[in-house]
């Protein structure tokens, strides 16, 4: 009888782990879909505004001087 209880406990734990894994997989897929949608929206906006911006210039908001200098160095850009 003790062996049957142990089997039942193992099945319950396995079922709970499987359910938890499915929940996390669902959350991961939902986040990927959200990020993909966000990226598509940004690409569409860029395409709609093509020609209305300088492709060789970027404007950084809410960035410190040191962060801007680091980014400029990383991309081989000039900082103005």
Protein backbone atom coordinates (compact mmCIF):
# COMPACT_ATOMS: atom_id res chain seq x y z
CA UNK A 1 0.00 0.00 0.00
CA UNK A 2 2.88 2.37 0.75
CA UNK A 3 4.18 1.93 -2.79
CA UNK A 4 0.82 2.99 -4.24
CA UNK A 5 0.82 6.17 -2.14
CA UNK A 6 4.33 6.99 -3.33
CA UNK A 7 3.28 6.50 -6.96
CA UNK A 8 0.26 8.74 -6.44
CA UNK A 9 2.42 11.43 -4.83
CA UNK A 10 4.92 11.25 -7.71
CA UNK A 11 2.10 11.60 -10.24
CA UNK A 12 0.67 14.60 -8.40
CA UNK A 13 4.07 16.32 -8.23
CA UNK A 14 4.72 15.55 -11.89
CA UNK A 15 1.29 16.91 -12.84
CA UNK A 16 1.88 20.10 -10.90
CA UNK A 17 5.29 20.60 -12.50
CA UNK A 18 3.81 19.99 -15.93
CA UNK A 19 1.01 22.50 -15.30
CA UNK A 20 3.51 25.08 -14.03
CA UNK A 21 5.68 24.53 -17.11
CA UNK A 22 2.70 25.09 -19.37
CA UNK A 23 1.82 28.33 -17.57
CA UNK A 24 5.38 29.63 -17.96
CA UNK A 25 5.45 28.60 -21.63
CA UNK A 26 2.19 30.47 -22.18
CA UNK A 27 3.57 33.59 -20.52
CA UNK A 28 6.73 33.38 -22.64
CA UNK A 29 4.73 33.05 -25.87
CA UNK A 30 2.44 35.92 -24.89
CA UNK A 31 5.46 38.18 -24.21
CA UNK A 32 7.04 37.22 -27.54
CA UNK A 33 3.81 38.07 -29.34
CA UNK A 34 3.61 41.43 -27.53
CA UNK A 35 7.21 42.30 -28.41
CA UNK A 36 6.75 41.22 -32.03
CA UNK A 37 3.66 43.43 -32.32
CA UNK A 38 5.55 46.35 -30.79
CA UNK A 39 8.41 45.85 -33.23
CA UNK A 40 6.05 45.63 -36.20
CA UNK A 41 4.32 48.86 -35.13
CA UNK A 42 7.68 50.63 -34.86
CA UNK A 43 8.75 49.37 -38.30
CA UNK A 44 5.47 50.51 -39.83
CA UNK A 45 5.88 53.96 -38.28
CA UNK A 46 9.41 54.22 -39.65
CA UNK A 47 8.21 53.19 -43.09
CA UNK A 48 5.37 55.74 -42.99
CA UNK A 49 7.78 58.51 -42.03
CA UNK A 50 10.51 57.51 -44.46
CA UNK A 51 12.21 60.60 -45.82
CA UNK A 52 10.98 62.76 -42.94
CA UNK A 53 14.05 62.06 -40.83
CA UNK A 54 17.82 61.99 -41.21
CA UNK A 55 18.90 58.35 -41.43
CA UNK A 56 22.34 59.26 -40.11
CA UNK A 57 21.18 61.02 -36.94
CA UNK A 58 19.52 59.74 -33.79
CA UNK A 59 18.15 61.73 -30.89
CA UNK A 60 18.56 60.28 -27.42
CA UNK A 61 16.01 61.18 -24.77
CA UNK A 62 16.53 60.66 -21.06
CA UNK A 63 20.19 59.71 -21.55
CA UNK A 64 23.10 60.94 -19.48
CA UNK A 65 26.18 62.48 -21.07
CA UNK A 66 28.31 59.45 -20.18
CA UNK A 67 25.73 57.03 -21.63
CA UNK A 68 25.55 59.08 -24.83
CA UNK A 69 29.36 59.13 -25.11
CA UNK A 70 29.48 55.36 -24.59
CA UNK A 71 26.87 54.80 -27.31
CA UNK A 72 28.66 57.14 -29.70
CA UNK A 73 31.94 55.30 -29.14
CA UNK A 74 30.25 51.90 -29.55
CA UNK A 75 28.72 52.87 -32.91
CA UNK A 76 31.64 54.98 -34.13
CA UNK A 77 29.43 58.06 -34.16
CA UNK A 78 29.89 61.71 -33.32
CA UNK A 79 28.17 63.26 -30.34
CA UNK A 80 26.70 66.75 -30.68
